[in-house]
């Protein structure tokens, strides 16, 4: 997920999150401590990619609030053909570029932009979209409306992580149905699938 600025108090600290499975299994992804940066935890990632196991290989993925990049990199490790990582905070985007280089990942790109500018200026032609925005910013409803309003190439699957039940967000997405949903502590997450009659 994304962040707006590094915390001055915490900026020197470095953390790592590990890829869980696939070609890059066990590789560490470093990220700097920052206000609002909250990598998706291993429990949630394991469940998500179990859900996506039948479709992730060869897929095109968009991580719209990339942050540490762990969701996109995990997707690549498990066989995704291409991942676009969108990150609004320049130092975080630069860190992601270093990580991709260190991991020799060539089938990914980083776009330094906020989600609104990206959606307005880039075609959204992806199989899977990961949405894990900063909870406090309340970006999610705007992003979902933007995806719902796409006239063509709606993503087949949308993963959402938030601090409110995923069911409460479905009214904004009449073209989607909730395929799976779970809760891990105070975190709610779910996988949405595009209705067949809208394909």
Protein backbone atom coordinates (compact mmCIF):
# COMPACT_ATOMS: atom_id res chain seq x y z
CA UNK A 1 0.00 0.00 0.00
CA UNK A 2 1.02 3.57 -0.44
CA UNK A 3 2.19 6.31 1.87
CA UNK A 4 2.38 10.08 1.62
CA UNK A 5 5.58 10.89 3.43
CA UNK A 6 8.35 9.33 5.45
CA UNK A 7 8.26 9.79 9.19
CA UNK A 8 11.28 11.85 10.20
CA UNK A 9 11.59 9.90 13.39
CA UNK A 10 11.57 6.53 11.64
CA UNK A 11 13.12 7.27 8.26
CA UNK A 12 16.54 5.68 8.96
CA UNK A 13 14.99 2.35 9.92
CA UNK A 14 14.83 -0.46 7.39
CA UNK A 15 12.46 -3.39 7.44
CA UNK A 16 12.02 -6.41 5.24
CA UNK A 17 9.15 -8.58 4.13
CA UNK A 18 9.78 -11.94 2.47
CA UNK A 19 8.31 -13.44 -0.67
CA UNK A 20 6.34 -16.49 0.39
CA UNK A 21 6.31 -18.80 -2.65
CA UNK A 22 7.36 -19.27 -6.24
CA UNK A 23 10.56 -18.44 -8.07
CA UNK A 24 11.55 -15.72 -5.58
CA UNK A 25 10.54 -17.60 -2.45
CA UNK A 26 12.43 -16.44 0.63
CA UNK A 27 13.86 -13.32 -1.01
CA UNK A 28 13.68 -10.25 1.21
CA UNK A 29 12.04 -7.02 0.08
CA UNK A 30 13.49 -4.06 2.04
CA UNK A 31 11.37 -1.02 2.74
CA UNK A 32 11.82 2.08 4.89
CA UNK A 33 9.61 2.79 7.88
CA UNK A 34 7.13 5.44 6.77
CA UNK A 35 3.86 6.98 7.83
CA UNK A 36 1.05 4.84 6.48
CA UNK A 37 3.21 2.15 4.87
CA UNK A 38 1.76 -1.17 5.94
CA UNK A 39 2.81 -4.18 3.84
CA UNK A 40 0.15 -6.82 3.48
CA UNK A 41 0.86 -9.49 6.09
CA UNK A 42 1.92 -13.05 5.30
CA UNK A 43 -1.36 -14.57 6.50
CA UNK A 44 -3.42 -12.38 4.19
CA UNK A 45 -1.02 -12.88 1.27
CA UNK A 46 -1.08 -16.64 1.64
CA UNK A 47 -4.87 -16.67 1.55
CA UNK A 48 -5.05 -14.22 -1.36
CA UNK A 49 -2.69 -16.18 -3.56
CA UNK A 50 -4.41 -19.44 -2.71
CA UNK A 51 -7.57 -17.81 -4.07
CA UNK A 52 -5.72 -16.62 -7.17
CA UNK A 53 -3.78 -19.85 -7.74
CA UNK A 54 -5.87 -20.96 -10.75
CA UNK A 55 -5.45 -17.65 -12.59
CA UNK A 56 -2.26 -15.90 -11.47
CA UNK A 57 0.10 -17.59 -13.92
CA UNK A 58 0.33 -15.53 -17.08
CA UNK A 59 -1.86 -12.76 -15.69
CA UNK A 60 -1.39 -8.99 -15.95
CA UNK A 61 -1.59 -7.35 -12.52
CA UNK A 62 -1.91 -3.78 -11.25
CA UNK A 63 -0.87 -2.81 -7.71
CA UNK A 64 -2.43 0.64 -7.40
CA UNK A 65 -0.95 1.51 -3.97
CA UNK A 66 2.32 -0.36 -4.20
CA UNK A 67 4.22 0.74 -1.06
CA UNK A 68 6.70 -2.07 -0.32
CA UNK A 69 5.73 -3.76 -3.60
CA UNK A 70 5.16 -7.10 -1.89
CA UNK A 71 1.84 -7.92 -3.58
CA UNK A 72 3.14 -7.26 -7.08
CA UNK A 73 6.44 -9.03 -6.47
CA UNK A 74 4.65 -12.02 -4.94
CA UNK A 75 2.48 -12.16 -8.07
CA UNK A 76 5.57 -12.16 -10.30
CA UNK A 77 7.18 -14.86 -8.17
CA UNK A 78 4.09 -17.01 -8.71
CA UNK A 79 4.06 -16.63 -12.47
CA UNK A 80 2.31 -13.37 -13.35
CA UNK A 81 3.33 -12.20 -16.82
CA UNK A 82 3.41 -8.50 -16.00
CA UNK A 83 2.91 -6.21 -13.00
CA UNK A 84 2.48 -2.44 -12.90
CA UNK A 85 3.32 -0.89 -9.53
CA UNK A 86 1.84 2.57 -8.93
CA UNK A 87 3.26 4.60 -6.05
CA UNK A 88 2.67 8.28 -5.35
CA UNK A 89 5.59 8.86 -2.97
CA UNK A 90 8.81 9.46 -4.91
CA UNK A 91 11.32 7.97 -2.40
CA UNK A 92 9.19 4.85 -2.06
CA UNK A 93 8.96 4.51 -5.84
CA UNK A 94 12.74 4.90 -6.06
CA UNK A 95 13.18 2.21 -3.42
CA UNK A 96 10.92 -0.08 -5.45
CA UNK A 97 13.08 0.47 -8.52
CA UNK A 98 16.12 -0.64 -6.53
CA UNK A 99 14.29 -3.73 -5.28
CA UNK A 100 13.22 -4.77 -8.79
CA UNK A 101 16.79 -4.32 -10.01
CA UNK A 102 18.25 -6.31 -7.10
CA UNK A 103 15.76 -9.14 -7.75
CA UNK A 104 16.45 -9.03 -11.51
CA UNK A 105 12.74 -8.53 -12.21
CA UNK A 106 12.21 -7.33 -15.77
CA UNK A 107 8.49 -7.97 -16.26
CA UNK A 108 7.34 -5.07 -14.08
CA UNK A 109 7.20 -1.30 -14.25
CA UNK A 110 6.94 1.38 -11.59
CA UNK A 111 4.84 4.47 -12.23
CA UNK A 112 5.28 7.33 -9.81
CA UNK A 113 1.79 8.87 -9.72
CA UNK A 114 -1.24 9.10 -7.49
CA UNK A 115 -4.09 6.73 -8.25
CA UNK A 116 -6.36 9.40 -9.76
CA UNK A 117 -3.75 10.58 -12.23
CA UNK A 118 -2.90 7.01 -13.16
CA UNK A 119 -6.53 5.99 -13.77
CA UNK A 120 -7.14 9.14 -15.81
CA UNK A 121 -4.10 8.77 -18.03
CA UNK A 122 -3.42 5.04 -18.44
CA UNK A 123 -5.52 2.22 -19.91
CA UNK A 124 -6.56 -0.21 -17.19
CA UNK A 125 -6.07 -3.47 -19.07
CA UNK A 126 -5.33 -5.92 -16.28
CA UNK A 127 -6.58 -9.29 -15.12
CA UNK A 128 -6.02 -8.62 -11.41
CA UNK A 129 -5.98 -5.34 -9.47
CA UNK A 130 -4.65 -5.11 -5.91
CA UNK A 131 -6.17 -2.36 -3.74
CA UNK A 132 -4.61 -1.76 -0.33
CA UNK A 133 -4.72 2.03 0.15
CA UNK A 134 -3.95 3.88 3.41
CA UNK A 135 -6.97 3.33 5.63
CA UNK A 136 -7.04 6.86 7.02
CA UNK A 137 -7.17 8.48 3.57
CA UNK A 138 -10.47 6.82 2.63
CA UNK A 139 -9.40 6.51 -1.00
CA UNK A 140 -11.10 3.18 -1.57
CA UNK A 141 -14.59 4.35 -2.52
CA UNK A 142 -13.16 6.71 -5.16
CA UNK A 143 -10.97 3.99 -6.63
CA UNK A 144 -13.86 1.52 -6.80
CA UNK A 145 -16.08 4.04 -8.53
CA UNK A 146 -13.32 4.69 -11.05
CA UNK A 147 -12.97 0.98 -11.82
CA UNK A 148 -16.74 0.47 -11.99
CA UNK A 149 -17.06 3.37 -14.47
CA UNK A 150 -14.56 1.90 -16.94
CA UNK A 151 -16.36 1.44 -20.25
CA UNK A 152 -14.14 -1.44 -21.34
CA UNK A 153 -11.39 -3.72 -20.05
CA UNK A 154 -12.71 -3.90 -16.51
CA UNK A 155 -10.31 -6.04 -14.45
CA UNK A 156 -11.47 -9.62 -13.99
CA UNK A 157 -10.49 -9.75 -10.30
CA UNK A 158 -10.12 -7.05 -7.65
CA UNK A 159 -8.45 -7.71 -4.30
CA UNK A 160 -9.39 -5.30 -1.50
CA UNK A 161 -7.84 -4.88 1.93
CA UNK A 162 -9.46 -2.39 4.30
CA UNK A 163 -10.46 -1.74 7.92
CA UNK A 164 -14.17 -2.12 7.16
CA UNK A 165 -16.09 -5.20 5.97
CA UNK A 166 -15.74 -5.76 2.25
CA UNK A 167 -19.47 -6.44 1.97
CA UNK A 168 -20.12 -2.79 2.85
CA UNK A 169 -18.28 -1.70 -0.32
CA UNK A 170 -20.19 -3.81 -2.81
CA UNK A 171 -22.94 -1.27 -3.48
CA UNK A 172 -20.39 0.75 -5.47
CA UNK A 173 -19.63 -2.25 -7.70
CA UNK A 174 -22.78 -3.61 -9.36
CA UNK A 175 -20.68 -5.27 -12.08
CA UNK A 176 -18.84 -7.40 -9.52
CA UNK A 177 -19.67 -10.10 -7.02
CA UNK A 178 -17.81 -10.95 -3.84
CA UNK A 179 -16.04 -14.25 -4.48
CA UNK A 180 -14.28 -14.63 -1.13
CA UNK A 181 -13.97 -12.56 2.05
CA UNK A 182 -12.14 -13.03 5.34
CA UNK A 183 -11.05 -11.12 8.41
CA UNK A 184 -7.65 -11.13 10.13
CA UNK A 185 -7.89 -9.19 13.38
CA UNK A 186 -9.02 -5.68 12.49
CA UNK A 187 -8.27 -6.20 8.79
CA UNK A 188 -10.93 -7.17 6.27
CA UNK A 189 -10.01 -8.48 2.85
CA UNK A 190 -11.76 -10.01 -0.09
CA UNK A 191 -11.58 -11.00 -3.74
CA UNK A 192 -14.14 -9.67 -6.19
CA UNK A 193 -14.86 -11.20 -9.59
CA UNK A 194 -16.44 -9.54 -12.62
CA UNK A 195 -19.94 -10.78 -13.35
CA UNK A 196 -20.04 -13.07 -16.36
CA UNK A 197 -22.72 -11.04 -18.11
CA UNK A 198 -20.42 -7.97 -18.14
CA UNK A 199 -17.47 -9.76 -19.74
